[in-house]
PDB file of N, CA and C in Angstrom:
ATOM      1  N   MET A   1       0.756  -1.103  -0.060  1.00  0.00           N
ATOM      2  CA  MET A   1      -0.007   0.070   0.026  1.00  0.00           C
ATOM      3  C   MET A   1       0.950   1.102  -0.236  1.00  0.00           C
ATOM      4  N   GLN A   2       0.594   2.501  -0.530  1.00  0.00           N
ATOM      5  CA  GLN A   2       1.415   3.440  -1.055  1.00  0.00           C
ATOM      6  C   GLN A   2       0.887   4.479   0.088  1.00  0.00           C
ATOM      7  N   ARG A   3       2.104   5.461   0.491  1.00  0.00           N
ATOM      8  CA  ARG A   3       1.963   6.515   1.312  1.00  0.00           C
ATOM      9  C   ARG A   3       1.178   7.362   0.762  1.00  0.00           C
ATOM     10  N   LEU A   4       1.448   8.062  -0.612  1.00  0.00           N
ATOM     11  CA  LEU A   4       0.930   8.778  -1.568  1.00  0.00           C
ATOM     12  C   LEU A   4       0.177   8.041  -2.889  1.00  0.00           C
ATOM     13  N   ARG A   5      -0.787   8.816  -3.157  1.00  0.00           N
ATOM     14  CA  ARG A   5      -1.985   8.291  -4.158  1.00  0.00           C
ATOM     15  C   ARG A   5      -2.252   9.740  -5.138  1.00  0.00           C
ATOM     16  N   VAL A   6      -2.593   9.202  -6.310  1.00  0.00           N
ATOM     17  CA  VAL A   6      -3.030  10.254  -7.258  1.00  0.00           C
ATOM     18  C   VAL A   6      -3.937  10.855  -6.931  1.00  0.00           C
ATOM     19  N   GLY A   7      -3.828  12.193  -6.695  1.00  0.00           N
ATOM     20  CA  GLY A   7      -5.301  13.030  -6.523  1.00  0.00           C
ATOM     21  C   GLY A   7      -4.901  13.718  -4.999  1.00  0.00           C
ATOM     22  N   ASP A   8      -3.802  13.163  -4.223  1.00  0.00           N
ATOM     23  CA  ASP A   8      -3.585  13.839  -2.723  1.00  0.00           C
ATOM     24  C   ASP A   8      -3.033  15.053  -2.818  1.00  0.00           C
ATOM     25  N   LEU A   9      -3.185  16.001  -2.011  1.00  0.00           N
ATOM     26  CA  LEU A   9      -2.539  17.295  -2.050  1.00  0.00           C
ATOM     27  C   LEU A   9      -1.337  17.156  -1.136  1.00  0.00           C
ATOM     28  N   VAL A  10      -0.328  17.726  -1.893  1.00  0.00           N
ATOM     29  CA  VAL A  10       0.910  17.461  -1.060  1.00  0.00           C
ATOM     30  C   VAL A  10       1.810  18.964  -1.094  1.00  0.00           C
ATOM     31  N   GLN A  11       3.058  19.333   0.091  1.00  0.00           N
ATOM     32  CA  GLN A  11       3.602  20.414  -0.018  1.00  0.00           C
ATOM     33  C   GLN A  11       4.889  19.780  -0.467  1.00  0.00           C
ATOM     34  N   ILE A  12       5.578  20.789  -1.050  1.00  0.00           N
ATOM     35  CA  ILE A  12       6.648  20.510  -1.550  1.00  0.00           C
ATOM     36  C   ILE A  12       7.891  20.604  -0.315  1.00  0.00           C
ATOM     37  N   VAL A  13       8.699  20.139   0.224  1.00  0.00           N
ATOM     38  CA  VAL A  13       9.529  20.386   1.503  1.00  0.00           C
ATOM     39  C   VAL A  13      10.639  20.747   1.306  1.00  0.00           C
ATOM     40  N   THR A  14      11.516  20.457  -0.039  1.00  0.00           N
ATOM     41  CA  THR A  14      12.728  20.732  -0.552  1.00  0.00           C
ATOM     42  C   THR A  14      12.828  21.527  -1.838  1.00  0.00           C
ATOM     43  N   GLY A  15      13.824  22.255  -2.301  1.00  0.00           N
ATOM     44  CA  GLY A  15      13.767  22.639  -3.502  1.00  0.00           C
ATOM     45  C   GLY A  15      13.604  24.027  -4.005  1.00  0.00           C
ATOM     46  N   LYS A  16      13.297  24.441  -5.206  1.00  0.00           N
ATOM     47  CA  LYS A  16      13.187  25.566  -5.574  1.00  0.00           C
ATOM     48  C   LYS A  16      11.724  26.007  -5.487  1.00  0.00           C
ATOM     49  N   ASP A  17      10.768  24.824  -5.278  1.00  0.00           N
ATOM     50  CA  ASP A  17       9.454  25.236  -5.266  1.00  0.00           C
ATOM     51  C   ASP A  17       9.093  25.159  -3.540  1.00  0.00           C
ATOM     52  N   LYS A  18       9.818  24.828  -2.694  1.00  0.00           N
ATOM     53  CA  LYS A  18       9.538  24.741  -1.291  1.00  0.00           C
ATOM     54  C   LYS A  18       8.251  25.486  -0.694  1.00  0.00           C
ATOM     55  N   GLY A  19       7.308  25.005  -0.179  1.00  0.00           N
ATOM     56  CA  GLY A  19       6.438  25.350   0.731  1.00  0.00           C
ATOM     57  C   GLY A  19       5.286  25.504  -0.247  1.00  0.00           C
ATOM     58  N   LYS A  20       5.268  25.314  -1.706  1.00  0.00           N
ATOM     59  CA  LYS A  20       4.205  25.226  -2.607  1.00  0.00           C
ATOM     60  C   LYS A  20       3.778  23.894  -2.403  1.00  0.00           C
ATOM     61  N   ARG A  21       2.187  24.143  -3.065  1.00  0.00           N
ATOM     62  CA  ARG A  21       1.003  22.524  -2.859  1.00  0.00           C
ATOM     63  C   ARG A  21       0.729  22.594  -3.892  1.00  0.00           C
ATOM     64  N   GLY A  22       0.347  21.422  -4.408  1.00  0.00           N
ATOM     65  CA  GLY A  22      -0.266  20.638  -5.532  1.00  0.00           C
ATOM     66  C   GLY A  22      -0.667  19.591  -5.696  1.00  0.00           C
ATOM     67  N   LYS A  23      -1.630  18.974  -6.491  1.00  0.00           N
ATOM     68  CA  LYS A  23      -1.939  17.720  -6.417  1.00  0.00           C
ATOM     69  C   LYS A  23      -1.288  16.669  -7.079  1.00  0.00           C
ATOM     70  N   ILE A  24      -1.138  15.487  -6.844  1.00  0.00           N
ATOM     71  CA  ILE A  24      -0.403  14.903  -7.592  1.00  0.00           C
ATOM     72  C   ILE A  24      -0.928  14.015  -8.527  1.00  0.00           C
ATOM     73  N   THR A  25      -0.551  13.971  -9.935  1.00  0.00           N
ATOM     74  CA  THR A  25      -1.188  13.815 -11.008  1.00  0.00           C
ATOM     75  C   THR A  25      -0.716  12.342 -11.775  1.00  0.00           C
ATOM     76  N   ARG A  26       0.520  11.948 -11.113  1.00  0.00           N
ATOM     77  CA  ARG A  26       1.004  10.563 -11.415  1.00  0.00           C
ATOM     78  C   ARG A  26       2.075   9.896 -10.626  1.00  0.00           C
ATOM     79  N   LEU A  27       2.040   8.850 -10.376  1.00  0.00           N
ATOM     80  CA  LEU A  27       3.132   8.337  -9.472  1.00  0.00           C
ATOM     81  C   LEU A  27       3.984   7.047 -10.153  1.00  0.00           C
ATOM     82  N   LEU A  28       5.044   7.566 -10.024  1.00  0.00           N
ATOM     83  CA  LEU A  28       6.173   6.663 -10.999  1.00  0.00           C
ATOM     84  C   LEU A  28       7.129   5.798  -9.856  1.00  0.00           C
ATOM     85  N   LYS A  29       6.432   4.586  -9.497  1.00  0.00           N
ATOM     86  CA  LYS A  29       6.614   3.640  -8.294  1.00  0.00           C
ATOM     87  C   LYS A  29       8.172   3.041  -8.664  1.00  0.00           C
ATOM     88  N   ASP A  30       8.215   2.725  -9.480  1.00  0.00           N
ATOM     89  CA  ASP A  30       9.687   2.265  -9.880  1.00  0.00           C
ATOM     90  C   ASP A  30      10.612   2.812  -9.298  1.00  0.00           C
ATOM     91  N   ASP A  31      10.713   4.339  -9.424  1.00  0.00           N
ATOM     92  CA  ASP A  31      11.826   5.163  -9.132  1.00  0.00           C
ATOM     93  C   ASP A  31      11.332   6.114  -7.823  1.00  0.00           C
ATOM     94  N   ASP A  32      10.290   5.545  -6.926  1.00  0.00           N
ATOM     95  CA  ASP A  32       9.810   6.663  -6.104  1.00  0.00           C
ATOM     96  C   ASP A  32       9.472   8.017  -5.894  1.00  0.00           C
ATOM     97  N   ARG A  33       8.847   8.081  -7.402  1.00  0.00           N
ATOM     98  CA  ARG A  33       8.855   9.813  -7.564  1.00  0.00           C
ATOM     99  C   ARG A  33       7.629  10.047  -8.079  1.00  0.00           C
ATOM    100  N   VAL A  34       7.284  11.651  -7.889  1.00  0.00           N
ATOM    101  CA  VAL A  34       5.692  11.882  -7.980  1.00  0.00           C
ATOM    102  C   VAL A  34       5.771  12.998  -9.144  1.00  0.00           C
ATOM    103  N   LEU A  35       4.478  13.618  -9.890  1.00  0.00           N
ATOM    104  CA  LEU A  35       4.591  14.585 -10.729  1.00  0.00           C
ATOM    105  C   LEU A  35       3.722  15.462  -9.759  1.00  0.00           C
ATOM    106  N   VAL A  36       3.890  16.490  -9.556  1.00  0.00           N
ATOM    107  CA  VAL A  36       2.896  17.517  -8.986  1.00  0.00           C
ATOM    108  C   VAL A  36       2.679  18.478  -9.672  1.00  0.00           C
ATOM    109  N   GLU A  37       1.059  18.611  -9.719  1.00  0.00           N
ATOM    110  CA  GLU A  37       0.616  19.365 -10.931  1.00  0.00           C
ATOM    111  C   GLU A  37       0.974  20.971 -10.681  1.00  0.00           C
ATOM    112  N   GLY A  38       1.550  21.555 -11.686  1.00  0.00           N
ATOM    113  CA  GLY A  38       2.060  22.762 -12.101  1.00  0.00           C
ATOM    114  C   GLY A  38       3.078  23.123 -11.272  1.00  0.00           C
ATOM    115  N   LEU A  39       4.014  22.082 -10.601  1.00  0.00           N
ATOM    116  CA  LEU A  39       5.036  22.648  -9.766  1.00  0.00           C
ATOM    117  C   LEU A  39       6.444  21.519 -10.471  1.00  0.00           C
ATOM    118  N   ASN A  40       7.709  22.299 -10.138  1.00  0.00           N
ATOM    119  CA  ASN A  40       8.788  21.730 -10.372  1.00  0.00           C
ATOM    120  C   ASN A  40       8.936  21.331 -11.733  1.00  0.00           C
ATOM    121  N   LYS A  41       8.697  22.636 -12.589  1.00  0.00           N
ATOM    122  CA  LYS A  41       8.822  23.116 -13.738  1.00  0.00           C
ATOM    123  C   LYS A  41       9.987  23.148 -14.452  1.00  0.00           C
ATOM    124  N   VAL A  42      10.428  22.587 -15.841  1.00  0.00           N
ATOM    125  CA  VAL A  42      11.671  22.673 -16.369  1.00  0.00           C
ATOM    126  C   VAL A  42      11.453  22.947 -17.945  1.00  0.00           C
ATOM    127  N   THR A  43      12.492  23.668 -18.381  1.00  0.00           N
ATOM    128  CA  THR A  43      12.439  23.774 -19.862  1.00  0.00           C
ATOM    129  C   THR A  43      13.087  23.194 -20.753  1.00  0.00           C
ATOM    130  N   ARG A  44      12.390  22.632 -21.714  1.00  0.00           N
ATOM    131  CA  ARG A  44      13.056  21.654 -22.920  1.00  0.00           C
ATOM    132  C   ARG A  44      13.314  22.777 -23.786  1.00  0.00           C
ATOM    133  N   HIS A  45      14.520  22.622 -24.507  1.00  0.00           N
ATOM    134  CA  HIS A  45      14.579  23.248 -25.829  1.00  0.00           C
ATOM    135  C   HIS A  45      14.423  22.132 -27.089  1.00  0.00           C
ATOM    136  N   THR A  46      13.234  22.883 -28.022  1.00  0.00           N
ATOM    137  CA  THR A  46      13.037  21.769 -29.351  1.00  0.00           C
ATOM    138  C   THR A  46      13.341  22.274 -30.269  1.00  0.00           C
ATOM    139  N   ARG A  47      13.958  21.764 -31.455  1.00  0.00           N
ATOM    140  CA  ARG A  47      14.024  21.932 -32.606  1.00  0.00           C
ATOM    141  C   ARG A  47      13.006  21.888 -33.844  1.00  0.00           C
ATOM    142  N   PRO A  48      12.816  22.789 -34.293  1.00  0.00           N
ATOM    143  CA  PRO A  48      11.628  22.911 -35.388  1.00  0.00           C
ATOM    144  C   PRO A  48      11.532  21.502 -36.314  1.00  0.00           C
ATOM    145  N   ASP A  49      10.341  20.810 -36.476  1.00  0.00           N
ATOM    146  CA  ASP A  49      10.014  19.506 -37.072  1.00  0.00           C
ATOM    147  C   ASP A  49       8.931  19.576 -37.793  1.00  0.00           C
ATOM    148  N   GLN A  50       8.476  18.486 -38.003  1.00  0.00           N
ATOM    149  CA  GLN A  50       7.096  18.783 -38.689  1.00  0.00           C
ATOM    150  C   GLN A  50       5.757  19.264 -37.925  1.00  0.00           C
ATOM    151  N   ARG A  51       5.829  18.241 -36.632  1.00  0.00           N
ATOM    152  CA  ARG A  51       4.983  18.680 -35.901  1.00  0.00           C
ATOM    153  C   ARG A  51       4.954  19.796 -35.352  1.00  0.00           C
ATOM    154  N   ASN A  52       6.124  20.494 -34.940  1.00  0.00           N
ATOM    155  CA  ASN A  52       5.997  21.546 -34.414  1.00  0.00           C
ATOM    156  C   ASN A  52       7.157  22.351 -34.982  1.00  0.00           C
ATOM    157  N   THR A  53       6.430  23.251 -35.901  1.00  0.00           N
ATOM    158  CA  THR A  53       7.306  23.949 -36.999  1.00  0.00           C
ATOM    159  C   THR A  53       8.097  25.368 -36.573  1.00  0.00           C
ATOM    160  N   GLU A  54       7.884  25.692 -35.463  1.00  0.00           N
ATOM    161  CA  GLU A  54       8.581  26.728 -34.921  1.00  0.00           C
ATOM    162  C   GLU A  54       9.538  26.212 -33.927  1.00  0.00           C
ATOM    163  N   GLY A  55       9.452  25.409 -33.104  1.00  0.00           N
ATOM    164  CA  GLY A  55      10.475  24.833 -32.194  1.00  0.00           C
ATOM    165  C   GLY A  55      10.271  25.759 -31.065  1.00  0.00           C
ATOM    166  N   GLY A  56      11.198  25.860 -30.211  1.00  0.00           N
ATOM    167  CA  GLY A  56      11.184  26.738 -29.424  1.00  0.00           C
ATOM    168  C   GLY A  56      11.518  26.208 -27.817  1.00  0.00           C
ATOM    169  N   ARG A  57      10.824  26.656 -26.739  1.00  0.00           N
ATOM    170  CA  ARG A  57      11.185  26.410 -25.436  1.00  0.00           C
ATOM    171  C   ARG A  57       9.820  26.032 -25.096  1.00  0.00           C
ATOM    172  N   LEU A  58       9.823  24.488 -24.040  1.00  0.00           N
ATOM    173  CA  LEU A  58       8.588  23.916 -23.654  1.00  0.00           C
ATOM    174  C   LEU A  58       8.808  23.962 -22.034  1.00  0.00           C
ATOM    175  N   GLN A  59       7.374  24.208 -21.536  1.00  0.00           N
ATOM    176  CA  GLN A  59       7.453  24.080 -19.843  1.00  0.00           C
ATOM    177  C   GLN A  59       7.154  23.099 -19.532  1.00  0.00           C
ATOM    178  N   LYS A  60       7.559  21.807 -18.875  1.00  0.00           N
ATOM    179  CA  LYS A  60       7.078  20.536 -18.594  1.00  0.00           C
ATOM    180  C   LYS A  60       7.543  20.346 -16.876  1.00  0.00           C
ATOM    181  N   GLU A  61       6.299  19.730 -16.252  1.00  0.00           N
ATOM    182  CA  GLU A  61       6.418  18.958 -14.971  1.00  0.00           C
ATOM    183  C   GLU A  61       7.649  18.045 -14.949  1.00  0.00           C
ATOM    184  N   ALA A  62       8.716  18.436 -13.859  1.00  0.00           N
ATOM    185  CA  ALA A  62       9.682  17.016 -13.938  1.00  0.00           C
ATOM    186  C   ALA A  62       9.544  16.202 -12.605  1.00  0.00           C
ATOM    187  N   PRO A  63       9.792  15.147 -12.355  1.00  0.00           N
ATOM    188  CA  PRO A  63       9.028  14.643 -11.226  1.00  0.00           C
ATOM    189  C   PRO A  63       9.792  14.594 -10.118  1.00  0.00           C
ATOM    190  N   LEU A  64       9.418  14.506  -9.032  1.00  0.00           N
ATOM    191  CA  LEU A  64      10.124  14.947  -7.481  1.00  0.00           C
ATOM    192  C   LEU A  64      10.078  13.644  -7.023  1.00  0.00           C
ATOM    193  N   HIS A  65      11.270  13.344  -6.027  1.00  0.00           N
ATOM    194  CA  HIS A  65      11.056  12.075  -4.968  1.00  0.00           C
ATOM    195  C   HIS A  65      10.067  12.173  -4.128  1.00  0.00           C
ATOM    196  N   VAL A  66       9.958  11.372  -3.527  1.00  0.00           N
ATOM    197  CA  VAL A  66       8.329  11.249  -2.883  1.00  0.00           C
ATOM    198  C   VAL A  66       9.221  11.759  -1.217  1.00  0.00           C
ATOM    199  N   SER A  67      10.319  11.646  -1.123  1.00  0.00           N
ATOM    200  CA  SER A  67      10.972  12.015   0.028  1.00  0.00           C
ATOM    201  C   SER A  67      10.799  13.432   0.320  1.00  0.00           C
ATOM    202  N   ASN A  68      10.672  14.393  -0.789  1.00  0.00           N
ATOM    203  CA  ASN A  68      10.477  15.639  -0.933  1.00  0.00           C
ATOM    204  C   ASN A  68       9.423  16.464  -0.622  1.00  0.00           C
ATOM    205  N   VAL A  69       8.253  15.455  -0.629  1.00  0.00           N
ATOM    206  CA  VAL A  69       6.921  15.940  -0.630  1.00  0.00           C
ATOM    207  C   VAL A  69       6.565  15.528   0.889  1.00  0.00           C
ATOM    208  N   MET A  70       5.265  16.048   1.112  1.00  0.00           N
ATOM    209  CA  MET A  70       4.644  15.665   2.369  1.00  0.00           C
ATOM    210  C   MET A  70       3.026  15.898   2.177  1.00  0.00           C
ATOM    211  N   LEU A  71       2.326  14.753   2.495  1.00  0.00           N
ATOM    212  CA  LEU A  71       1.023  14.778   2.679  1.00  0.00           C
ATOM    213  C   LEU A  71       0.291  15.822   3.475  1.00  0.00           C
ATOM    214  N   ILE A  72      -0.748  16.475   3.023  1.00  0.00           N
ATOM    215  CA  ILE A  72      -1.509  17.784   3.579  1.00  0.00           C
ATOM    216  C   ILE A  72      -2.557  16.723   4.321  1.00  0.00           C
ATOM    217  N   ASP A  73      -2.870  17.245   5.445  1.00  0.00           N
ATOM    218  CA  ASP A  73      -3.892  16.792   6.310  1.00  0.00           C
ATOM    219  C   ASP A  73      -4.700  17.783   6.299  1.00  0.00           C
ATOM    220  N   VAL A  74      -6.376  17.485   5.501  1.00  0.00           N
ATOM    221  CA  VAL A  74      -7.053  18.289   4.920  1.00  0.00           C
ATOM    222  C   VAL A  74      -8.102  19.140   5.987  1.00  0.00           C
ATOM    223  N   ASP A  75      -7.806  18.375   7.427  1.00  0.00           N
ATOM    224  CA  ASP A  75      -8.744  18.734   8.774  1.00  0.00           C
ATOM    225  C   ASP A  75      -8.015  19.898   9.185  1.00  0.00           C
ATOM    226  N   SER A  76      -6.473  19.833   9.481  1.00  0.00           N
ATOM    227  CA  SER A  76      -5.667  20.940  10.235  1.00  0.00           C
ATOM    228  C   SER A  76      -4.887  21.788   9.081  1.00  0.00           C
ATOM    229  N   ASP A  77      -4.725  21.539   7.899  1.00  0.00           N
ATOM    230  CA  ASP A  77      -4.201  22.042   6.829  1.00  0.00           C
ATOM    231  C   ASP A  77      -2.773  22.009   7.107  1.00  0.00           C
ATOM    232  N   LYS A  78      -2.339  21.225   7.508  1.00  0.00           N
ATOM    233  CA  LYS A  78      -0.796  21.226   7.774  1.00  0.00           C
ATOM    234  C   LYS A  78      -0.064  20.001   7.125  1.00  0.00           C
ATOM    235  N   PRO A  79       1.161  19.901   6.663  1.00  0.00           N
ATOM    236  CA  PRO A  79       2.158  18.636   5.931  1.00  0.00           C
ATOM    237  C   PRO A  79       1.845  17.809   7.590  1.00  0.00           C
ATOM    238  N   THR A  80       1.862  16.222   6.999  1.00  0.00           N
ATOM    239  CA  THR A  80       2.049  15.490   8.043  1.00  0.00           C
ATOM    240  C   THR A  80       2.705  14.350   7.424  1.00  0.00           C
ATOM    241  N   ARG A  81       2.663  13.329   8.284  1.00  0.00           N
ATOM    242  CA  ARG A  81       3.553  11.901   8.316  1.00  0.00           C
ATOM    243  C   ARG A  81       2.473  11.112   8.218  1.00  0.00           C
ATOM    244  N   VAL A  82       2.823   9.869   7.265  1.00  0.00           N
ATOM    245  CA  VAL A  82       1.662   8.745   6.983  1.00  0.00           C
ATOM    246  C   VAL A  82       2.282   7.764   7.868  1.00  0.00           C
ATOM    247  N   LYS A  83       0.993   7.057   8.352  1.00  0.00           N
ATOM    248  CA  LYS A  83       1.529   5.785   9.119  1.00  0.00           C
ATOM    249  C   LYS A  83       0.225   4.650   8.727  1.00  0.00           C
ATOM    250  N   PHE A  84      -0.138   3.539   8.885  1.00  0.00           N
ATOM    251  CA  PHE A  84      -0.838   2.302   8.482  1.00  0.00           C
ATOM    252  C   PHE A  84      -1.620   1.802   9.976  1.00  0.00           C
ATOM    253  N   VAL A  85      -2.867   1.626   9.686  1.00  0.00           N
ATOM    254  CA  VAL A  85      -3.587   1.084  10.848  1.00  0.00           C
ATOM    255  C   VAL A  85      -4.493   0.295  10.588  1.00  0.00           C
ATOM    256  N   ASP A  86      -4.559  -1.105  11.007  1.00  0.00           N
ATOM    257  CA  ASP A  86      -5.246  -2.322  10.709  1.00  0.00           C
ATOM    258  C   ASP A  86      -6.534  -2.125  11.758  1.00  0.00           C
ATOM    259  N   ASP A  87      -7.780  -2.196  11.163  1.00  0.00           N
ATOM    260  CA  ASP A  87      -9.032  -2.352  11.904  1.00  0.00           C
ATOM    261  C   ASP A  87      -9.555  -3.566  11.096  1.00  0.00           C
ATOM    262  N   ASP A  88     -10.396  -4.175  12.273  1.00  0.00           N
ATOM    263  CA  ASP A  88     -10.989  -5.348  11.848  1.00  0.00           C
ATOM    264  C   ASP A  88     -12.281  -4.883  10.926  1.00  0.00           C
ATOM    265  N   GLU A  89     -13.076  -3.698  11.092  1.00  0.00           N
ATOM    266  CA  GLU A  89     -14.008  -3.773   9.932  1.00  0.00           C
ATOM    267  C   GLU A  89     -13.721  -2.712   8.905  1.00  0.00           C
ATOM    268  N   ALA A  90     -12.761  -1.474   9.090  1.00  0.00           N
ATOM    269  CA  ALA A  90     -12.134  -0.809   7.716  1.00  0.00           C
ATOM    270  C   ALA A  90     -11.113  -1.944   6.973  1.00  0.00           C
ATOM    271  N   GLY A  91     -10.312  -2.361   7.766  1.00  0.00           N
ATOM    272  CA  GLY A  91      -9.047  -2.969   7.098  1.00  0.00           C
ATOM    273  C   GLY A  91      -7.649  -2.129   6.999  1.00  0.00           C
ATOM    274  N   ARG A  92      -6.912  -2.058   6.196  1.00  0.00           N
ATOM    275  CA  ARG A  92      -5.761  -1.365   6.336  1.00  0.00           C
ATOM    276  C   ARG A  92      -6.247   0.003   5.838  1.00  0.00           C
ATOM    277  N   HIS A  93      -5.653   0.876   6.459  1.00  0.00           N
ATOM    278  CA  HIS A  93      -6.031   2.162   5.973  1.00  0.00           C
ATOM    279  C   HIS A  93      -4.934   3.334   6.585  1.00  0.00           C
ATOM    280  N   ARG A  94      -4.670   4.292   5.712  1.00  0.00           N
ATOM    281  CA  ARG A  94      -3.574   5.598   6.019  1.00  0.00           C
ATOM    282  C   ARG A  94      -4.488   6.558   7.052  1.00  0.00           C
ATOM    283  N   VAL A  95      -3.307   6.871   8.056  1.00  0.00           N
ATOM    284  CA  VAL A  95      -3.612   7.796   9.247  1.00  0.00           C
ATOM    285  C   VAL A  95      -2.532   8.568   9.605  1.00  0.00           C
ATOM    286  N   ALA A  96      -2.987   9.986   9.982  1.00  0.00           N
ATOM    287  CA  ALA A  96      -1.881  10.943   9.795  1.00  0.00           C
ATOM    288  C   ALA A  96      -1.182  10.089  11.314  1.00  0.00           C
ATOM    289  N   VAL A  97       0.471  10.894  11.446  1.00  0.00           N
ATOM    290  CA  VAL A  97       1.086  10.545  12.558  1.00  0.00           C
ATOM    291  C   VAL A  97       0.225  10.930  14.025  1.00  0.00           C
ATOM    292  N   SER A  98      -0.428  11.932  13.857  1.00  0.00           N
ATOM    293  CA  SER A  98      -0.940  12.739  14.977  1.00  0.00           C
ATOM    294  C   SER A  98      -2.547  11.958  15.426  1.00  0.00           C
ATOM    295  N   GLY A  99      -2.765  10.883  14.555  1.00  0.00           N
ATOM    296  CA  GLY A  99      -3.641   9.913  15.303  1.00  0.00           C
ATOM    297  C   GLY A  99      -5.095  10.329  13.883  1.00  0.00           C
ATOM    298  N   ALA A 100      -4.932  11.827  13.172  1.00  0.00           N
ATOM    299  CA  ALA A 100      -6.329  11.927  12.518  1.00  0.00           C
ATOM    300  C   ALA A 100      -6.544  11.200  11.240  1.00  0.00           C
ATOM    301  N   GLU A 101      -7.726  10.932  11.329  1.00  0.00           N
ATOM    302  CA  GLU A 101      -7.975  10.190   9.662  1.00  0.00           C
ATOM    303  C   GLU A 101      -7.834  10.911   8.619  1.00  0.00           C
ATOM    304  N   LEU A 102      -7.267  10.146   7.811  1.00  0.00           N
ATOM    305  CA  LEU A 102      -6.831  10.894   6.090  1.00  0.00           C
ATOM    306  C   LEU A 102      -8.104  10.691   5.294  1.00  0.00           C
ATOM    307  N   LYS A 103      -9.013  11.495   4.735  1.00  0.00           N
ATOM    308  CA  LYS A 103      -9.511  11.566   3.798  1.00  0.00           C
ATOM    309  C   LYS A 103      -9.166  11.261   2.473  1.00  0.00           C
ATOM    310  N   GLN A 104      -9.814  10.451   1.446  1.00  0.00           N
ATOM    311  CA  GLN A 104      -8.948  10.178   0.066  1.00  0.00           C
ATOM    312  C   GLN A 104      -9.292  11.205  -0.802  1.00  0.00           C
ATOM    313  N   GLY A 105      -8.028  11.464  -1.582  1.00  0.00           N
ATOM    314  CA  GLY A 105      -7.721  12.430  -2.490  1.00  0.00           C
ATOM    315  C   GLY A 105      -8.077  13.937  -1.714  1.00  0.00           C
TER     316      GLY A 105
END
């Protein structure tokens, strides 16, 4: 079970976008990286070709390592660490370290 899921609101902990928040758009499980919507933009220079006749510079989102983002607890609106709790009726689910229940997405 993953600590982060697509649609989770996260805050960037380190780097040039430190303190900014965004939603996870994609998980790269093999590399332990995530793509956060609108953050960690990089510029790619492209040459003209048949599809893009002008060429130029393209802005795109680069992946961040999962250790550089923290999940936002929607109740307290603060970054939190995540742990897992096994319940008889609910099964295994994510909980904030403070004990608050984490809501989906």
